[in-house]
Amino acid sequence: MVTIKSKKEIELMREACRVTALTHKAIEEAIKPGMTTADLDRIAEETMKKYGAISAEKGYDPGIKGVPKYPAATCISVNDEVIHGIPSNKRYIKDGDIVSVDLVALKDGFNGDAARTYMVGNVSKEAKRLIEVTRQAFFEGIKFAKKGNRIGDVSHAIGEYVKSQGFSVVREFEGHGIGRNMHEEPEIPNYGKAGRGIRLEPGMTLAIEPMVIQGKPDILQLDDGWTIITEDGSLAAHYENTILITENEPEVLTIL
């Protein structure tokens, strides 16, 4: 069931999302060649703690047999890793890498979810364009995140824009509702037909997250049970914000 948030719940969502945005700001300021992905994870966890929040991802149980609980505070995916990369003291960030960080701050019972792909040092023009298109795909989508429109209108706009730029969207993973739980209904694919799905209503809070691949859309899962990579080794980028459906334009909650 899709939850409609009360005014009080929306205020609590705003605060959780503010912490999420502040955590991304700390990561953006810190990231540089020579760091490990575990270094970034520690910065994120410490920042959340500083603002009275915890990571909703740490210890998350996917409920899949043989897949362990998620061990870190963030998902950090480098280059051809699409999503759910596990931070490691052995994974060094190099000049020219693109690094996707997906994090969820839990504060006072509510979650804020956002992802960014960061450019480290001298990044190729192709990588830069991929990141720009992924970010713009989010904004193309939320043009339709308005009262009375349908989820499919958002999904269609994202998918068609990415396709027009010569890239591919990931089909196996998608955006979602968010609130007291990190993942709530509805599911929000990054492709589909306009005019399909539930109607959007004021008070809905949604995590919309284009995941875009430079090459073919095919993906693989690594043996750790979490990390998703591109099958053809091409680069991937991720951009996500938590938004609020209002009586008018959508409010992006995870941008300062």
Protein backbone atom coordinates (compact mmCIF):
# COMPACT_ATOMS: atom_id res chain seq x y z
CA MET A 1 0.00 0.00 0.00
CA VAL A 2 1.26 3.49 -0.89
CA THR A 3 1.50 5.70 2.19
CA ILE A 4 0.40 9.34 2.21
CA LYS A 5 2.46 11.28 4.73
CA SER A 6 0.95 13.68 7.24
CA LYS A 7 2.36 17.19 7.72
CA LYS A 8 4.30 15.95 10.77
CA GLU A 9 5.68 12.97 8.86
CA ILE A 10 6.71 15.20 5.96
CA GLU A 11 8.70 17.39 8.34
CA LEU A 12 10.47 14.30 9.69
CA MET A 13 11.15 13.18 6.11
CA ARG A 14 12.60 16.60 5.32
CA GLU A 15 15.04 16.28 8.21
CA ALA A 16 16.17 12.75 7.27
CA CYS A 17 16.64 13.96 3.70
CA ARG A 18 18.61 16.99 4.86
CA VAL A 19 21.04 14.66 6.65
CA THR A 20 21.29 12.59 3.48
CA ALA A 21 22.18 15.71 1.48
CA LEU A 22 24.72 16.86 4.08
CA THR A 23 26.34 13.42 3.98
CA HIS A 24 26.69 13.63 0.21
CA LYS A 25 28.22 17.08 0.61
CA ALA A 26 30.84 15.63 2.99
CA ILE A 27 31.64 12.88 0.49
CA GLU A 28 31.90 15.34 -2.40
CA GLU A 29 34.34 17.47 -0.42
CA ALA A 30 36.48 14.50 0.66
CA ILE A 31 36.69 12.23 -2.38
CA LYS A 32 40.08 12.14 -4.12
CA PRO A 33 42.52 9.71 -5.70
CA GLY A 34 44.29 7.44 -3.21
CA MET A 35 41.35 7.03 -0.85
CA THR A 36 39.66 3.69 -0.43
CA THR A 37 35.95 3.17 -0.77
CA ALA A 38 35.99 2.18 2.91
CA ASP A 39 37.41 5.63 3.73
CA LEU A 40 34.38 7.22 2.06
CA ASP A 41 32.05 4.86 3.87
CA ARG A 42 33.50 5.91 7.23
CA ILE A 43 33.09 9.59 6.36
CA ALA A 44 29.46 8.97 5.46
CA GLU A 45 28.70 7.05 8.64
CA GLU A 46 30.41 9.65 10.84
CA THR A 47 28.50 12.47 9.12
CA MET A 48 25.16 10.75 9.62
CA LYS A 49 26.00 10.19 13.28
CA LYS A 50 26.99 13.86 13.65
CA TYR A 51 23.48 14.88 12.61
CA GLY A 52 21.69 12.31 14.77
CA ALA A 53 21.04 9.71 12.08
CA ILE A 54 22.18 6.19 11.29
CA SER A 55 22.62 4.30 8.05
CA ALA A 56 19.51 2.39 7.00
CA GLU A 57 21.63 0.29 4.65
CA LYS A 58 23.98 -1.11 7.29
CA GLY A 59 22.68 -4.51 8.36
CA TYR A 60 19.89 -4.47 5.77
CA ASP A 61 18.53 -7.98 5.24
CA PRO A 62 17.38 -8.59 1.63
CA GLY A 63 15.55 -11.73 2.70
CA ILE A 64 17.25 -13.80 0.01
CA LYS A 65 18.64 -17.19 0.95
CA GLY A 66 22.44 -17.21 0.87
CA VAL A 67 22.77 -13.42 0.67
CA PRO A 68 24.23 -11.88 3.84
CA LYS A 69 23.00 -8.71 5.50
CA TYR A 70 24.55 -5.62 3.92
CA PRO A 71 27.79 -4.92 5.82
CA ALA A 72 28.44 -1.21 5.23
CA ALA A 73 26.87 2.22 5.75
CA THR A 74 26.79 3.04 2.03
CA CYS A 75 26.83 1.37 -1.37
CA ILE A 76 29.87 2.53 -3.36
CA SER A 77 30.19 1.42 -6.97
CA VAL A 78 33.18 2.29 -9.17
CA ASN A 79 33.27 2.56 -12.98
CA ASP A 80 31.52 -0.56 -14.38
CA GLU A 81 29.85 -1.31 -11.05
CA VAL A 82 26.25 -0.20 -11.38
CA ILE A 83 24.92 -0.39 -7.81
CA HIS A 84 25.39 -2.10 -4.43
CA GLY A 85 29.19 -2.10 -4.44
CA ILE A 86 30.50 -2.99 -0.99
CA PRO A 87 33.09 -0.52 0.40
CA SER A 88 36.52 -2.08 0.93
CA ASN A 89 39.87 -1.12 2.44
CA LYS A 90 41.42 -2.80 -0.61
CA ARG A 91 39.56 -0.77 -3.25
CA TYR A 92 41.55 2.36 -4.00
CA ILE A 93 40.02 5.24 -5.93
CA LYS A 94 42.14 6.33 -8.88
CA ASP A 95 42.39 9.45 -11.01
CA GLY A 96 39.76 9.21 -13.76
CA ASP A 97 37.39 6.95 -11.84
CA ILE A 98 33.69 7.62 -11.55
CA VAL A 99 32.31 6.63 -8.15
CA SER A 100 28.62 6.15 -7.40
CA VAL A 101 27.59 6.54 -3.77
CA ASP A 102 24.09 5.49 -2.69
CA LEU A 103 23.15 6.21 0.92
CA VAL A 104 20.08 6.24 3.14
CA ALA A 105 19.98 8.23 6.38
CA LEU A 106 17.50 7.06 9.01
CA LYS A 107 16.50 9.67 11.58
CA ASP A 108 13.54 9.75 13.97
CA GLY A 109 11.94 6.80 12.20
CA PHE A 110 12.10 8.15 8.65
CA ASN A 111 14.47 7.62 5.73
CA GLY A 112 16.14 9.91 3.20
CA ASP A 113 17.63 8.26 0.10
CA ALA A 114 19.94 9.77 -2.52
CA ALA A 115 22.68 8.66 -4.90
CA ARG A 116 25.34 10.59 -6.79
CA THR A 117 28.09 9.62 -9.20
CA TYR A 118 31.27 11.57 -8.48
CA MET A 119 34.04 12.36 -10.95
CA VAL A 120 37.52 11.85 -9.52
CA GLY A 121 40.36 13.81 -11.10
CA ASN A 122 40.70 13.76 -14.87
CA VAL A 123 37.59 11.99 -16.08
CA SER A 124 37.01 11.21 -19.76
CA LYS A 125 34.54 13.25 -21.81
CA GLU A 126 32.45 10.10 -22.30
CA ALA A 127 32.24 9.47 -18.55
CA LYS A 128 31.36 13.10 -17.89
CA ARG A 129 28.55 12.97 -20.45
CA LEU A 130 27.21 9.74 -18.95
CA ILE A 131 27.00 11.36 -15.51
CA GLU A 132 25.34 14.49 -16.92
CA VAL A 133 22.75 12.46 -18.83
CA THR A 134 22.00 10.32 -15.78
CA ARG A 135 21.42 13.41 -13.66
CA GLN A 136 19.28 15.07 -16.31
CA ALA A 137 17.20 11.88 -16.67
CA PHE A 138 16.05 12.38 -13.08
CA PHE A 139 14.93 15.94 -13.83
CA GLU A 140 13.23 14.86 -17.06
CA GLY A 141 11.31 12.31 -15.00
CA ILE A 142 10.16 14.60 -12.24
CA LYS A 143 8.66 17.03 -14.74
CA PHE A 144 5.81 14.50 -14.65
CA ALA A 145 5.86 13.85 -10.88
CA LYS A 146 2.71 15.89 -10.33
CA LYS A 147 -0.68 15.38 -8.74
CA GLY A 148 -2.95 13.38 -11.05
CA ASN A 149 -0.20 12.01 -13.27
CA ARG A 150 0.77 8.33 -13.17
CA ILE A 151 3.98 6.54 -12.20
CA GLY A 152 4.33 5.43 -15.81
CA ASP A 153 4.55 9.04 -16.94
CA VAL A 154 7.70 9.49 -14.82
CA SER A 155 9.18 6.15 -15.91
CA HIS A 156 8.51 6.81 -19.59
CA ALA A 157 10.14 10.24 -19.49
CA ILE A 158 13.30 8.86 -17.90
CA GLY A 159 13.63 5.93 -20.29
CA GLU A 160 12.95 7.92 -23.45
CA TYR A 161 15.44 10.63 -22.52
CA VAL A 162 18.21 8.12 -21.77
CA LYS A 163 17.48 6.28 -25.01
CA SER A 164 17.61 9.55 -26.98
CA GLN A 165 21.13 10.13 -25.64
CA GLY A 166 22.36 6.72 -26.82
CA PHE A 167 22.59 5.10 -23.37
CA SER A 168 20.70 2.27 -21.64
CA VAL A 169 18.69 2.13 -18.42
CA VAL A 170 18.92 -0.75 -15.97
CA ARG A 171 15.66 -2.69 -16.09
CA GLU A 172 16.13 -5.10 -13.18
CA PHE A 173 16.32 -2.40 -10.49
CA GLU A 174 14.11 0.62 -9.95
CA GLY A 175 13.04 3.48 -7.76
CA HIS A 176 10.52 3.11 -4.95
CA GLY A 177 8.35 4.72 -2.36
CA ILE A 178 10.09 5.67 0.88
CA GLY A 179 9.16 6.77 4.39
CA ARG A 180 9.27 4.76 7.59
CA ASN A 181 10.73 1.97 5.47
CA MET A 182 13.62 2.33 3.07
CA HIS A 183 11.63 0.54 0.36
CA GLU A 184 7.89 1.10 0.14
CA GLU A 185 5.32 0.90 -2.62
CA PRO A 186 5.12 1.93 -5.41
CA GLU A 187 7.88 0.53 -7.62
CA ILE A 188 9.19 3.14 -10.06
CA PRO A 189 10.93 1.67 -13.14
CA ASN A 190 13.20 3.80 -15.30
CA TYR A 191 11.34 2.83 -18.46
CA GLY A 192 7.79 2.02 -19.47
CA LYS A 193 4.61 3.36 -21.01
CA ALA A 194 3.06 6.67 -20.11
CA GLY A 195 -0.40 6.55 -18.60
CA ARG A 196 0.24 3.35 -16.64
CA GLY A 197 0.49 2.73 -12.91
CA ILE A 198 -1.00 4.44 -9.88
CA ARG A 199 -1.95 8.11 -9.84
CA LEU A 200 0.30 10.45 -7.89
CA GLU A 201 -1.18 12.18 -4.85
CA PRO A 202 0.09 14.95 -2.57
CA GLY A 203 1.90 13.50 0.44
CA MET A 204 3.57 10.66 -1.45
CA THR A 205 7.34 10.47 -0.96
CA LEU A 206 9.29 8.72 -3.70
CA ALA A 207 12.92 7.79 -4.39
CA ILE A 208 13.43 8.25 -8.12
CA GLU A 209 16.76 6.90 -9.35
CA PRO A 210 17.93 6.57 -12.93
CA MET A 211 20.68 3.94 -13.25
CA VAL A 212 22.29 4.38 -16.65
CA ILE A 213 24.78 2.26 -18.57
CA GLN A 214 27.08 3.53 -21.31
CA GLY A 215 26.72 0.33 -23.34
CA LYS A 216 24.21 -2.51 -23.42
CA PRO A 217 21.70 -2.80 -20.54
CA ASP A 218 22.78 -6.31 -19.53
CA ILE A 219 24.07 -6.73 -15.97
CA LEU A 220 25.71 -9.39 -13.80
CA GLN A 221 25.82 -9.97 -10.05
CA LEU A 222 29.13 -10.71 -8.33
CA ASP A 223 29.65 -13.61 -5.95
CA ASP A 224 29.32 -11.31 -2.91
CA GLY A 225 25.57 -11.40 -3.55
CA TRP A 226 25.33 -7.61 -3.77
CA THR A 227 27.53 -5.90 -6.37
CA ILE A 228 25.92 -5.40 -9.78
CA ILE A 229 28.22 -4.79 -12.76
CA THR A 230 27.73 -4.14 -16.47
CA GLU A 231 28.09 -7.31 -18.51
CA ASP A 232 30.06 -5.57 -21.28
CA GLY A 233 32.39 -3.71 -18.90
CA SER A 234 31.04 -0.28 -19.88
CA LEU A 235 30.68 2.54 -17.37
CA ALA A 236 27.55 3.08 -15.28
CA ALA A 237 26.18 6.08 -13.37
CA HIS A 238 23.47 6.57 -10.73
CA TYR A 239 21.53 9.66 -9.69
CA GLU A 240 18.76 9.59 -7.09
CA ASN A 241 16.74 11.93 -4.92
CA THR A 242 13.83 11.58 -2.54
CA ILE A 243 10.94 13.77 -3.65
CA LEU A 244 7.59 14.86 -2.23
CA ILE A 245 4.47 15.04 -4.37
CA THR A 246 2.66 18.32 -3.62
CA GLU A 247 -0.41 20.16 -4.91
CA ASN A 248 1.89 21.82 -7.46
CA GLU A 249 5.51 21.06 -8.47
CA PRO A 250 7.36 18.17 -6.79
CA GLU A 251 9.70 19.11 -3.94
CA VAL A 252 13.17 17.55 -4.07
CA LEU A 253 14.02 16.79 -0.45
CA THR A 254 17.62 15.60 -0.78
CA ILE A 255 19.14 18.71 -2.35
CA LEU A 256 20.39 21.40 0.03
